[in-house]
Each structure stands twice: as structure tokens, then as C-alpha cells.
Amino acid sequence: MKTAFVTGATRKTGRAIAIALSRSGWRVLALGRDRSILEALRADHGIEPLAMDLTDRDEMRAIMVNQHIDALVIATMRWPDTKPYVEYTEAEIDMAMEVNLAAALHLTRNVLPVMAARKSGAMVFVGPGKTPMRSTVQTTAEAAMTAFAAALAAEYAESGLIIQCLDRDGQQPNETATRVVQMLDILPQHHPSRPATVETIY
């Protein structure tokens, strides 16, 4: 059974992805902040909950060190309220960048060596799409994530890994979840000749 690690699993899109993967036969490790939703995912769908702080690097490494992860799905979307840039506090800017960007980079760094060594695995970065009310902070973090996915795909173009950035572009959570499942269900155990790609730039 293949294992997927899904962040943002207690919010709409991440939760839909976790459930869809579980129904498709994946073992799902679901990361989120709302323990009650995580427990409901366990009870209703057999999903394994992970309540952890994405900003705690030591906890992150301890949880992931012994996990065999076939697919990493980054669906974390936690932003401060939209307002003029100068009204953001330092703490709000730091939180947005730490949770939505830095944590994704560190999670990727944790799983990438093993995936590359076995020439099999996928990393999917899910964005909110072209929402009309994005703040400067959100737009900046999303652009950086897109650039990261593109650079990573180029660096590992001969690795056989699937590296994609998905733009929701107005899709409902269940529609995005279906796209992710379709992408990951074709993931074979080994595909050394398959190039890494970025599907959509948002």
C-alpha cells in the first residue's frame, strides 16, 4: 500500500484530498491543527492523524524519519486577514511565510533524498488558484512556492519523480482532490525515465 503525507488536512481542500486518497486505497498520514477533525478523519476514513506544529523542525523530523512516504501533498493554506501590506504585523508576515512556504521547503527536503534514491515518488504543491482577494503577503508566498516547484522539477528532471504545482483555478475542493488522486494513482513503484514536471503555474 502506498503512503501519502497530506498537509492542511483539516481544511477544505486538504481534507478532501486526504479522504479521496484514502478511498482510492492509499494509506494517508494527515497533518493539521484541528484535532477534532483529525479524529473524525481517523474514525470515518481510517486516516492516520498527525497533530503537529509545522514550525517545529525537531517534531517534524521525528515524525517523518521512519515513514515510507510515496507522495507528499502540500495543501496548507493559512493566511492572515487580507489588508493593506503596511498594516501587517511582523508576526503575521512571519507566520504566513513560515507555515505556507518554509514548512513546505523543509518537508520536501526531508522526503526528497529517499524518493530520489529509489527513483519513485511524488510531490504535489496545491495552490488556492486565482482568488480575487489575495493579499500581497499571500501573492508573494504563492509565487515563491511556484518558483520552488519549478526549480525542483528542473533539478530532478532525470530522477523519475513527479513534481507538480496545481492551480485550483476556481475548482471546488472535491474537484481538486480528484485531480490529485488521478495524478498519484498512476504512480508506479519505479519510473526512472519519467521527467519531473510542473503542471500549472499560478
N, C-alpha and C. Protein backbone atom coordinates (compact mmCIF):
# COMPACT_ATOMS: atom_id res chain seq x y z
N MET A 1 0.84 -1.20 0.00
CA MET A 1 0.00 0.00 0.00
C MET A 1 0.88 1.25 0.00
N LYS A 2 0.59 2.16 -0.91
CA LYS A 2 1.36 3.39 -1.00
C LYS A 2 0.91 4.37 0.09
N THR A 3 1.84 5.20 0.54
CA THR A 3 1.58 6.13 1.63
C THR A 3 1.68 7.57 1.14
N ALA A 4 0.66 8.36 1.48
CA ALA A 4 0.65 9.79 1.16
C ALA A 4 0.66 10.60 2.44
N PHE A 5 1.46 11.64 2.45
CA PHE A 5 1.54 12.57 3.58
C PHE A 5 0.88 13.86 3.11
N VAL A 6 -0.24 14.24 3.75
CA VAL A 6 -1.04 15.38 3.30
C VAL A 6 -1.06 16.45 4.38
N THR A 7 -0.58 17.64 4.04
CA THR A 7 -0.66 18.76 4.98
C THR A 7 -1.95 19.55 4.73
N GLY A 8 -2.33 20.34 5.72
CA GLY A 8 -3.56 21.12 5.59
C GLY A 8 -4.79 20.25 5.57
N ALA A 9 -4.72 19.08 6.21
CA ALA A 9 -5.79 18.09 6.08
C ALA A 9 -7.03 18.40 6.91
N THR A 10 -6.97 19.44 7.74
CA THR A 10 -8.17 19.80 8.50
C THR A 10 -8.89 20.99 7.87
N ARG A 11 -8.40 21.44 6.71
CA ARG A 11 -9.09 22.49 5.96
C ARG A 11 -9.72 21.88 4.70
N LYS A 12 -10.54 22.65 4.02
CA LYS A 12 -11.41 22.09 2.99
C LYS A 12 -10.68 21.28 1.94
N THR A 13 -9.71 21.89 1.27
CA THR A 13 -9.06 21.20 0.16
C THR A 13 -8.20 20.05 0.64
N GLY A 14 -7.38 20.28 1.66
CA GLY A 14 -6.54 19.22 2.19
C GLY A 14 -7.34 18.05 2.71
N ARG A 15 -8.45 18.34 3.38
CA ARG A 15 -9.32 17.28 3.89
C ARG A 15 -9.91 16.47 2.74
N ALA A 16 -10.37 17.15 1.70
CA ALA A 16 -10.93 16.44 0.54
C ALA A 16 -9.89 15.56 -0.12
N ILE A 17 -8.66 16.04 -0.21
CA ILE A 17 -7.58 15.25 -0.82
C ILE A 17 -7.29 14.02 0.03
N ALA A 18 -7.20 14.21 1.34
CA ALA A 18 -6.91 13.08 2.24
C ALA A 18 -7.99 12.00 2.12
N ILE A 19 -9.24 12.41 2.12
CA ILE A 19 -10.35 11.45 2.02
C ILE A 19 -10.33 10.74 0.67
N ALA A 20 -10.12 11.49 -0.39
CA ALA A 20 -10.12 10.89 -1.73
C ALA A 20 -8.99 9.88 -1.89
N LEU A 21 -7.82 10.19 -1.36
CA LEU A 21 -6.71 9.25 -1.45
C LEU A 21 -6.99 7.99 -0.63
N SER A 22 -7.58 8.17 0.55
CA SER A 22 -7.91 7.02 1.38
C SER A 22 -8.91 6.11 0.66
N ARG A 23 -9.90 6.70 0.04
CA ARG A 23 -10.90 5.91 -0.69
C ARG A 23 -10.30 5.21 -1.90
N SER A 24 -9.19 5.76 -2.40
CA SER A 24 -8.53 5.17 -3.55
C SER A 24 -7.53 4.09 -3.15
N GLY A 25 -7.45 3.80 -1.85
CA GLY A 25 -6.60 2.71 -1.40
C GLY A 25 -5.26 3.12 -0.84
N TRP A 26 -5.04 4.41 -0.68
CA TRP A 26 -3.79 4.88 -0.11
C TRP A 26 -3.84 4.84 1.41
N ARG A 27 -2.69 4.60 2.01
CA ARG A 27 -2.52 4.89 3.43
C ARG A 27 -2.23 6.38 3.53
N VAL A 28 -3.01 7.09 4.33
CA VAL A 28 -2.90 8.55 4.38
C VAL A 28 -2.49 9.00 5.78
N LEU A 29 -1.41 9.75 5.83
CA LEU A 29 -0.99 10.45 7.04
C LEU A 29 -1.46 11.88 6.91
N ALA A 30 -2.37 12.30 7.77
CA ALA A 30 -3.00 13.61 7.64
C ALA A 30 -2.48 14.57 8.70
N LEU A 31 -1.95 15.68 8.24
CA LEU A 31 -1.39 16.68 9.14
C LEU A 31 -2.31 17.89 9.20
N GLY A 32 -2.62 18.33 10.40
CA GLY A 32 -3.47 19.51 10.56
C GLY A 32 -3.45 20.00 11.99
N ARG A 33 -4.15 21.10 12.23
CA ARG A 33 -4.14 21.72 13.55
C ARG A 33 -5.38 21.40 14.36
N ASP A 34 -6.48 21.05 13.70
CA ASP A 34 -7.74 20.80 14.39
C ASP A 34 -7.84 19.32 14.76
N ARG A 35 -7.62 19.04 16.03
CA ARG A 35 -7.59 17.63 16.47
C ARG A 35 -8.94 16.94 16.30
N SER A 36 -10.03 17.67 16.45
CA SER A 36 -11.35 17.04 16.32
C SER A 36 -11.59 16.58 14.88
N ILE A 37 -11.17 17.38 13.91
CA ILE A 37 -11.31 16.97 12.51
C ILE A 37 -10.39 15.80 12.20
N LEU A 38 -9.18 15.82 12.75
CA LEU A 38 -8.26 14.71 12.54
C LEU A 38 -8.83 13.41 13.09
N GLU A 39 -9.43 13.49 14.27
CA GLU A 39 -10.01 12.28 14.86
C GLU A 39 -11.20 11.79 14.05
N ALA A 40 -11.97 12.73 13.48
CA ALA A 40 -13.08 12.33 12.61
C ALA A 40 -12.56 11.66 11.34
N LEU A 41 -11.46 12.14 10.81
CA LEU A 41 -10.85 11.50 9.64
C LEU A 41 -10.41 10.09 9.96
N ARG A 42 -9.90 9.89 11.17
CA ARG A 42 -9.50 8.55 11.58
C ARG A 42 -10.72 7.64 11.71
N ALA A 43 -11.75 8.13 12.41
CA ALA A 43 -12.92 7.31 12.68
C ALA A 43 -13.71 6.99 11.41
N ASP A 44 -13.83 7.96 10.53
CA ASP A 44 -14.70 7.79 9.36
C ASP A 44 -13.99 7.20 8.14
N HIS A 45 -12.67 7.41 8.07
CA HIS A 45 -11.97 7.03 6.83
C HIS A 45 -10.69 6.23 7.05
N GLY A 46 -10.36 5.93 8.30
CA GLY A 46 -9.15 5.16 8.57
C GLY A 46 -7.87 5.91 8.30
N ILE A 47 -7.96 7.24 8.27
CA ILE A 47 -6.79 8.08 8.02
C ILE A 47 -6.02 8.26 9.32
N GLU A 48 -4.69 8.23 9.22
CA GLU A 48 -3.85 8.35 10.40
C GLU A 48 -3.56 9.83 10.68
N PRO A 49 -4.04 10.35 11.82
CA PRO A 49 -3.87 11.78 12.09
C PRO A 49 -2.51 12.11 12.67
N LEU A 50 -2.00 13.27 12.29
CA LEU A 50 -0.76 13.79 12.84
C LEU A 50 -1.00 15.24 13.24
N ALA A 51 -1.16 15.48 14.52
CA ALA A 51 -1.35 16.84 15.01
C ALA A 51 0.02 17.38 15.40
N MET A 52 0.57 18.24 14.57
CA MET A 52 1.89 18.77 14.85
C MET A 52 1.99 20.21 14.37
N ASP A 53 2.97 20.90 14.89
CA ASP A 53 3.23 22.28 14.53
C ASP A 53 4.23 22.29 13.37
N LEU A 54 3.82 22.80 12.23
CA LEU A 54 4.69 22.82 11.06
C LEU A 54 5.95 23.64 11.27
N THR A 55 5.92 24.52 12.26
CA THR A 55 7.09 25.36 12.50
C THR A 55 8.09 24.71 13.44
N ASP A 56 7.74 23.55 13.99
CA ASP A 56 8.63 22.83 14.91
C ASP A 56 9.46 21.83 14.10
N ARG A 57 10.67 22.22 13.75
CA ARG A 57 11.52 21.39 12.88
C ARG A 57 11.87 20.05 13.53
N ASP A 58 12.16 20.05 14.82
CA ASP A 58 12.53 18.81 15.50
C ASP A 58 11.37 17.82 15.50
N GLU A 59 10.17 18.31 15.79
CA GLU A 59 8.99 17.44 15.79
C GLU A 59 8.73 16.90 14.38
N MET A 60 8.90 17.75 13.39
CA MET A 60 8.69 17.34 12.01
C MET A 60 9.62 16.20 11.63
N ARG A 61 10.90 16.36 11.95
CA ARG A 61 11.88 15.31 11.61
C ARG A 61 11.59 14.02 12.36
N ALA A 62 11.23 14.14 13.64
CA ALA A 62 10.96 12.96 14.45
C ALA A 62 9.79 12.15 13.90
N ILE A 63 8.77 12.83 13.42
CA ILE A 63 7.59 12.16 12.89
C ILE A 63 7.89 11.49 11.55
N MET A 64 8.67 12.15 10.72
CA MET A 64 8.87 11.68 9.35
C MET A 64 10.03 10.72 9.17
N VAL A 65 10.91 10.63 10.15
CA VAL A 65 12.16 9.89 9.95
C VAL A 65 11.92 8.42 9.62
N ASN A 66 10.90 7.81 10.21
CA ASN A 66 10.68 6.38 9.99
C ASN A 66 9.51 6.09 9.05
N GLN A 67 9.02 7.12 8.36
CA GLN A 67 7.88 6.93 7.46
C GLN A 67 8.35 6.67 6.03
N HIS A 68 7.73 5.69 5.39
CA HIS A 68 7.97 5.44 3.96
C HIS A 68 6.91 6.23 3.21
N ILE A 69 7.27 7.36 2.65
CA ILE A 69 6.31 8.25 2.01
C ILE A 69 6.47 8.18 0.49
N ASP A 70 5.39 7.81 -0.17
CA ASP A 70 5.40 7.74 -1.63
C ASP A 70 4.97 9.06 -2.27
N ALA A 71 4.13 9.81 -1.56
CA ALA A 71 3.65 11.08 -2.11
C ALA A 71 3.52 12.11 -0.99
N LEU A 72 4.07 13.28 -1.24
CA LEU A 72 3.93 14.41 -0.33
C LEU A 72 2.99 15.42 -0.98
N VAL A 73 1.88 15.71 -0.32
CA VAL A 73 0.91 16.66 -0.85
C VAL A 73 0.84 17.86 0.09
N ILE A 74 1.30 19.00 -0.40
CA ILE A 74 1.30 20.22 0.40
C ILE A 74 0.04 21.01 0.07
N ALA A 75 -0.90 21.03 1.01
CA ALA A 75 -2.16 21.75 0.79
C ALA A 75 -2.43 22.73 1.93
N THR A 76 -1.38 23.15 2.60
CA THR A 76 -1.52 24.09 3.70
C THR A 76 -1.87 25.47 3.16
N MET A 77 -2.92 26.06 3.72
CA MET A 77 -3.32 27.41 3.32
C MET A 77 -3.82 28.14 4.57
N ARG A 78 -2.91 28.77 5.26
CA ARG A 78 -3.28 29.53 6.46
C ARG A 78 -2.70 30.93 6.34
N TRP A 79 -3.60 31.88 6.15
CA TRP A 79 -3.17 33.25 5.88
C TRP A 79 -3.77 34.22 6.89
N PRO A 80 -3.07 35.30 7.21
CA PRO A 80 -3.70 36.37 7.98
C PRO A 80 -4.76 37.06 7.12
N ASP A 81 -5.62 37.83 7.75
CA ASP A 81 -6.68 38.51 7.01
C ASP A 81 -6.08 39.43 5.94
N THR A 82 -6.81 39.56 4.84
CA THR A 82 -6.37 40.44 3.76
C THR A 82 -6.53 41.90 4.17
N LYS A 83 -5.46 42.66 3.99
CA LYS A 83 -5.47 44.09 4.33
C LYS A 83 -4.28 44.75 3.65
N PRO A 84 -4.18 46.07 3.68
CA PRO A 84 -3.01 46.73 3.09
C PRO A 84 -1.71 46.21 3.71
N TYR A 85 -0.69 46.10 2.88
CA TYR A 85 0.56 45.48 3.33
C TYR A 85 1.13 46.14 4.58
N VAL A 86 1.09 47.46 4.65
CA VAL A 86 1.72 48.15 5.78
C VAL A 86 1.00 47.89 7.10
N GLU A 87 -0.20 47.32 7.04
CA GLU A 87 -0.95 47.03 8.27
C GLU A 87 -0.61 45.66 8.85
N TYR A 88 0.14 44.85 8.11
CA TYR A 88 0.52 43.54 8.66
C TYR A 88 1.58 43.71 9.74
N THR A 89 1.46 42.90 10.77
CA THR A 89 2.49 42.89 11.80
C THR A 89 3.63 41.97 11.36
N GLU A 90 4.76 42.11 12.02
CA GLU A 90 5.88 41.21 11.73
C GLU A 90 5.48 39.76 11.99
N ALA A 91 4.72 39.54 13.06
CA ALA A 91 4.29 38.18 13.40
C ALA A 91 3.40 37.58 12.32
N GLU A 92 2.51 38.39 11.74
CA GLU A 92 1.63 37.88 10.69
C GLU A 92 2.41 37.53 9.43
N ILE A 93 3.37 38.37 9.07
CA ILE A 93 4.20 38.08 7.90
C ILE A 93 5.02 36.82 8.13
N ASP A 94 5.63 36.72 9.31
CA ASP A 94 6.44 35.54 9.63
C ASP A 94 5.60 34.27 9.59
N MET A 95 4.39 34.33 10.17
CA MET A 95 3.52 33.14 10.18
C MET A 95 3.18 32.71 8.76
N ALA A 96 2.80 33.66 7.92
CA ALA A 96 2.40 33.32 6.55
C ALA A 96 3.55 32.66 5.79
N MET A 97 4.74 33.20 5.92
CA MET A 97 5.89 32.64 5.21
C MET A 97 6.35 31.32 5.82
N GLU A 98 6.30 31.23 7.12
CA GLU A 98 6.76 30.02 7.80
C GLU A 98 5.84 28.84 7.51
N VAL A 99 4.55 29.04 7.65
CA VAL A 99 3.59 27.95 7.50
C VAL A 99 3.37 27.57 6.04
N ASN A 100 3.24 28.57 5.18
CA ASN A 100 2.86 28.30 3.79
C ASN A 100 4.03 28.11 2.84
N LEU A 101 5.23 28.51 3.24
CA LEU A 101 6.38 28.38 2.35
C LEU A 101 7.52 27.60 2.99
N ALA A 102 8.05 28.11 4.09
CA ALA A 102 9.23 27.48 4.69
C ALA A 102 8.96 26.03 5.10
N ALA A 103 7.80 25.78 5.69
CA ALA A 103 7.48 24.42 6.12
C ALA A 103 7.45 23.46 4.94
N ALA A 104 6.92 23.93 3.80
CA ALA A 104 6.88 23.08 2.60
C ALA A 104 8.29 22.76 2.12
N LEU A 105 9.18 23.74 2.16
CA LEU A 105 10.56 23.51 1.75
C LEU A 105 11.23 22.48 2.65
N HIS A 106 11.00 22.58 3.95
CA HIS A 106 11.64 21.65 4.88
C HIS A 106 11.04 20.25 4.78
N LEU A 107 9.72 20.15 4.62
CA LEU A 107 9.11 18.83 4.44
C LEU A 107 9.65 18.16 3.19
N THR A 108 9.75 18.92 2.12
CA THR A 108 10.29 18.38 0.87
C THR A 108 11.71 17.89 1.06
N ARG A 109 12.50 18.67 1.74
CA ARG A 109 13.90 18.29 2.00
C ARG A 109 13.99 17.00 2.80
N ASN A 110 13.02 16.76 3.66
CA ASN A 110 13.03 15.54 4.47
C ASN A 110 12.72 14.29 3.66
N VAL A 111 11.82 14.40 2.68
CA VAL A 111 11.41 13.20 1.93
C VAL A 111 12.19 13.00 0.64
N LEU A 112 12.77 14.05 0.11
CA LEU A 112 13.38 14.00 -1.21
C LEU A 112 14.54 13.01 -1.34
N PRO A 113 15.47 12.93 -0.39
CA PRO A 113 16.59 12.01 -0.58
C PRO A 113 16.17 10.55 -0.77
N VAL A 114 15.19 10.11 0.01
CA VAL A 114 14.74 8.72 -0.08
C VAL A 114 14.01 8.49 -1.40
N MET A 115 13.14 9.42 -1.78
CA MET A 115 12.44 9.28 -3.06
C MET A 115 13.41 9.23 -4.22
N ALA A 116 14.39 10.12 -4.20
CA ALA A 116 15.36 10.17 -5.30
C ALA A 116 16.18 8.90 -5.36
N ALA A 117 16.53 8.34 -4.20
CA ALA A 117 17.34 7.13 -4.16
C ALA A 117 16.59 5.94 -4.75
N ARG A 118 15.29 5.86 -4.51
CA ARG A 118 14.54 4.73 -5.05
C ARG A 118 13.89 5.05 -6.40
N LYS A 119 14.11 6.28 -6.89
CA LYS A 119 13.61 6.71 -8.20
C LYS A 119 12.10 6.56 -8.32
N SER A 120 11.42 6.87 -7.24
CA SER A 120 9.96 6.78 -7.24
C SER A 120 9.40 7.69 -6.15
N GLY A 121 8.38 8.45 -6.51
CA GLY A 121 7.76 9.33 -5.53
C GLY A 121 7.16 10.55 -6.20
N ALA A 122 6.35 11.26 -5.44
CA ALA A 122 5.69 12.45 -5.99
C ALA A 122 5.59 13.53 -4.93
N MET A 123 5.72 14.76 -5.38
CA MET A 123 5.50 15.93 -4.54
C MET A 123 4.53 16.85 -5.27
N VAL A 124 3.41 17.14 -4.62
CA VAL A 124 2.36 17.96 -5.23
C VAL A 124 2.12 19.17 -4.33
N PHE A 125 2.24 20.35 -4.92
CA PHE A 125 2.04 21.59 -4.18
C PHE A 125 0.73 22.21 -4.67
N VAL A 126 -0.25 22.32 -3.78
CA VAL A 126 -1.58 22.77 -4.16
C VAL A 126 -1.75 24.24 -3.78
N GLY A 127 -2.06 25.07 -4.76
CA GLY A 127 -2.28 26.49 -4.51
C GLY A 127 -3.76 26.82 -4.50
N PRO A 128 -4.12 27.98 -3.98
CA PRO A 128 -5.53 28.37 -3.91
C PRO A 128 -6.10 28.83 -5.24
N GLY A 129 -5.25 29.02 -6.23
CA GLY A 129 -5.74 29.49 -7.53
C GLY A 129 -5.86 31.00 -7.59
N LYS A 130 -6.52 31.47 -8.62
CA LYS A 130 -6.59 32.91 -8.87
C LYS A 130 -7.75 33.53 -8.10
N THR A 131 -7.67 33.53 -6.79
CA THR A 131 -8.70 34.13 -5.96
C THR A 131 -8.59 35.65 -6.04
N PRO A 132 -9.73 36.36 -6.05
CA PRO A 132 -9.69 37.81 -6.27
C PRO A 132 -9.18 38.62 -5.09
N MET A 133 -9.20 38.05 -3.88
CA MET A 133 -8.88 38.84 -2.69
C MET A 133 -7.55 38.44 -2.07
N ARG A 134 -6.57 38.09 -2.87
CA ARG A 134 -5.28 37.70 -2.32
C ARG A 134 -4.51 38.94 -1.86
N SER A 135 -3.85 38.80 -0.74
CA SER A 135 -3.05 39.90 -0.22
C SER A 135 -1.66 39.88 -0.84
N THR A 136 -0.90 40.95 -0.60
CA THR A 136 0.48 41.00 -1.06
C THR A 136 1.29 39.87 -0.44
N VAL A 137 1.05 39.60 0.83
CA VAL A 137 1.78 38.53 1.51
C VAL A 137 1.46 37.18 0.89
N GLN A 138 0.20 36.91 0.65
CA GLN A 138 -0.20 35.63 0.06
C GLN A 138 0.34 35.49 -1.36
N THR A 139 0.23 36.54 -2.15
CA THR A 139 0.72 36.50 -3.52
C THR A 139 2.21 36.22 -3.57
N THR A 140 2.95 36.83 -2.65
CA THR A 140 4.41 36.64 -2.60
C THR A 140 4.76 35.20 -2.25
N ALA A 141 4.10 34.65 -1.23
CA ALA A 141 4.38 33.27 -0.82
C ALA A 141 4.03 32.28 -1.92
N GLU A 142 2.90 32.51 -2.60
CA GLU A 142 2.48 31.61 -3.67
C GLU A 142 3.46 31.65 -4.85
N ALA A 143 3.93 32.85 -5.18
CA ALA A 143 4.89 32.97 -6.28
C ALA A 143 6.19 32.25 -5.93
N ALA A 144 6.60 32.36 -4.68
CA ALA A 144 7.82 31.67 -4.25
C ALA A 144 7.64 30.16 -4.30
N MET A 145 6.45 29.67 -3.93
CA MET A 145 6.19 28.24 -3.98
C MET A 145 6.21 27.72 -5.42
N THR A 146 5.63 28.49 -6.32
CA THR A 146 5.65 28.11 -7.73
C THR A 146 7.08 28.05 -8.25
N ALA A 147 7.88 29.06 -7.90
CA ALA A 147 9.28 29.08 -8.32
C ALA A 147 10.05 27.91 -7.74
N PHE A 148 9.76 27.57 -6.50
CA PHE A 148 10.42 26.43 -5.86
C PHE A 148 10.09 25.13 -6.59
N ALA A 149 8.80 24.92 -6.88
CA ALA A 149 8.39 23.70 -7.58
C ALA A 149 9.04 23.60 -8.95
N ALA A 150 9.09 24.73 -9.67
CA ALA A 150 9.69 24.73 -11.00
C ALA A 150 11.19 24.44 -10.93
N ALA A 151 11.87 25.05 -9.97
CA ALA A 151 13.31 24.83 -9.83
C ALA A 151 13.60 23.40 -9.42
N LEU A 152 12.77 22.86 -8.52
CA LEU A 152 12.97 21.49 -8.07
C LEU A 152 12.73 20.51 -9.21
N ALA A 153 11.69 20.77 -10.00
CA ALA A 153 11.41 19.90 -11.14
C ALA A 153 12.55 19.91 -12.14
N ALA A 154 13.15 21.08 -12.34
CA ALA A 154 14.28 21.17 -13.27
C ALA A 154 15.50 20.44 -12.71
N GLU A 155 15.74 20.60 -11.42
CA GLU A 155 16.91 19.96 -10.80
C GLU A 155 16.79 18.44 -10.83
N TYR A 156 15.57 17.93 -10.67
CA TYR A 156 15.36 16.48 -10.62
C TYR A 156 14.68 15.96 -11.88
N ALA A 157 14.94 16.62 -12.99
CA ALA A 157 14.27 16.25 -14.25
C ALA A 157 14.56 14.82 -14.69
N GLU A 158 15.72 14.28 -14.32
CA GLU A 158 16.08 12.92 -14.72
C GLU A 158 15.89 11.91 -13.60
N SER A 159 15.22 12.31 -12.54
CA SER A 159 15.12 11.46 -11.35
C SER A 159 13.99 10.45 -11.42
N GLY A 160 13.00 10.70 -12.29
CA GLY A 160 11.83 9.85 -12.30
C GLY A 160 10.76 10.27 -11.33
N LEU A 161 10.99 11.36 -10.58
CA LEU A 161 10.00 11.83 -9.61
C LEU A 161 8.94 12.68 -10.29
N ILE A 162 7.74 12.67 -9.72
CA ILE A 162 6.67 13.55 -10.16
C ILE A 162 6.68 14.77 -9.24
N ILE A 163 6.92 15.93 -9.79
CA ILE A 163 6.94 17.17 -9.02
C ILE A 163 6.02 18.15 -9.73
N GLN A 164 4.88 18.47 -9.10
CA GLN A 164 3.89 19.30 -9.77
C GLN A 164 3.29 20.34 -8.83
N CYS A 165 2.94 21.46 -9.43
CA CYS A 165 2.28 22.54 -8.73
C CYS A 165 0.89 22.68 -9.33
N LEU A 166 -0.15 22.52 -8.53
CA LEU A 166 -1.51 22.54 -9.05
C LEU A 166 -2.21 23.85 -8.72
N ASP A 167 -2.81 24.44 -9.71
CA ASP A 167 -3.60 25.65 -9.55
C ASP A 167 -5.07 25.25 -9.46
N ARG A 168 -5.71 25.56 -8.36
CA ARG A 168 -7.12 25.19 -8.21
C ARG A 168 -8.00 25.95 -9.20
N ASP A 169 -7.67 27.20 -9.47
CA ASP A 169 -8.34 28.00 -10.50
C ASP A 169 -9.86 27.90 -10.42
N GLY A 170 -10.41 28.14 -9.24
CA GLY A 170 -11.85 28.16 -9.06
C GLY A 170 -12.48 26.81 -8.81
N GLN A 171 -11.69 25.75 -8.80
CA GLN A 171 -12.24 24.42 -8.57
C GLN A 171 -12.69 24.25 -7.12
N GLN A 172 -13.73 23.45 -6.95
CA GLN A 172 -14.16 23.07 -5.62
C GLN A 172 -13.16 22.06 -5.03
N PRO A 173 -13.09 21.95 -3.70
CA PRO A 173 -12.14 21.03 -3.08
C PRO A 173 -12.21 19.61 -3.62
N ASN A 174 -13.42 19.08 -3.83
CA ASN A 174 -13.54 17.71 -4.33
C ASN A 174 -12.99 17.56 -5.75
N GLU A 175 -13.11 18.62 -6.55
CA GLU A 175 -12.56 18.57 -7.90
C GLU A 175 -11.04 18.54 -7.87
N THR A 176 -10.47 19.36 -6.99
CA THR A 176 -9.01 19.34 -6.83
C THR A 176 -8.55 18.00 -6.32
N ALA A 177 -9.28 17.43 -5.37
CA ALA A 177 -8.93 16.12 -4.82
C ALA A 177 -8.93 15.06 -5.91
N THR A 178 -9.90 15.11 -6.80
CA THR A 178 -9.95 14.15 -7.90
C THR A 178 -8.73 14.28 -8.80
N ARG A 179 -8.30 15.51 -9.07
CA ARG A 179 -7.10 15.71 -9.89
C ARG A 179 -5.87 15.11 -9.23
N VAL A 180 -5.76 15.31 -7.92
CA VAL A 180 -4.60 14.78 -7.21
C VAL A 180 -4.60 13.26 -7.23
N VAL A 181 -5.75 12.65 -6.98
CA VAL A 181 -5.84 11.19 -6.98
C VAL A 181 -5.50 10.64 -8.36
N GLN A 182 -6.03 11.25 -9.40
CA GLN A 182 -5.74 10.77 -10.76
C GLN A 182 -4.25 10.85 -11.06
N MET A 183 -3.62 11.89 -10.58
CA MET A 183 -2.19 12.04 -10.79
C MET A 183 -1.39 10.98 -10.04
N LEU A 184 -1.76 10.74 -8.78
CA LEU A 184 -0.96 9.87 -7.93
C LEU A 184 -1.28 8.40 -8.12
N ASP A 185 -2.48 8.08 -8.55
CA ASP A 185 -2.83 6.66 -8.72
C ASP A 185 -2.05 5.99 -9.84
N ILE A 186 -1.47 6.78 -10.74
CA ILE A 186 -0.65 6.18 -11.80
C ILE A 186 0.81 6.09 -11.39
N LEU A 187 1.10 6.49 -10.15
CA LEU A 187 2.48 6.45 -9.67
C LEU A 187 2.93 5.00 -9.51
N PRO A 188 3.85 4.54 -10.34
CA PRO A 188 4.36 3.18 -10.20
C PRO A 188 5.40 3.10 -9.11
N GLN A 189 5.85 1.90 -8.82
CA GLN A 189 6.88 1.75 -7.82
C GLN A 189 8.19 2.37 -8.28
N HIS A 190 8.50 2.26 -9.55
CA HIS A 190 9.73 2.84 -10.10
C HIS A 190 9.44 3.36 -11.50
N HIS A 191 9.89 4.56 -11.80
CA HIS A 191 9.74 5.08 -13.16
C HIS A 191 10.91 6.00 -13.45
N PRO A 192 12.12 5.44 -13.56
CA PRO A 192 13.31 6.26 -13.71
C PRO A 192 13.36 7.09 -14.98
N SER A 193 12.57 6.78 -15.98
CA SER A 193 12.64 7.53 -17.22
C SER A 193 11.64 8.68 -17.27
N ARG A 194 10.78 8.79 -16.25
CA ARG A 194 9.75 9.82 -16.28
C ARG A 194 10.30 11.14 -15.76
N PRO A 195 10.21 12.23 -16.54
CA PRO A 195 10.75 13.50 -16.09
C PRO A 195 9.84 14.18 -15.08
N ALA A 196 10.43 14.99 -14.21
CA ALA A 196 9.65 15.81 -13.31
C ALA A 196 9.03 16.96 -14.09
N THR A 197 7.85 17.40 -13.66
CA THR A 197 7.17 18.47 -14.38
C THR A 197 6.46 19.39 -13.40
N VAL A 198 6.14 20.58 -13.87
CA VAL A 198 5.23 21.47 -13.16
C VAL A 198 4.02 21.64 -14.04
N GLU A 199 2.86 21.21 -13.56
CA GLU A 199 1.67 21.19 -14.42
C GLU A 199 1.11 22.58 -14.65
N THR A 200 1.04 23.38 -13.61
CA THR A 200 0.40 24.67 -13.74
C THR A 200 1.16 25.71 -12.94
N ILE A 201 1.34 26.87 -13.51
CA ILE A 201 1.92 27.99 -12.79
C ILE A 201 0.79 28.95 -12.44
N TYR A 202 0.64 29.28 -11.17
CA TYR A 202 -0.44 30.18 -10.78
C TYR A 202 0.14 31.49 -10.29
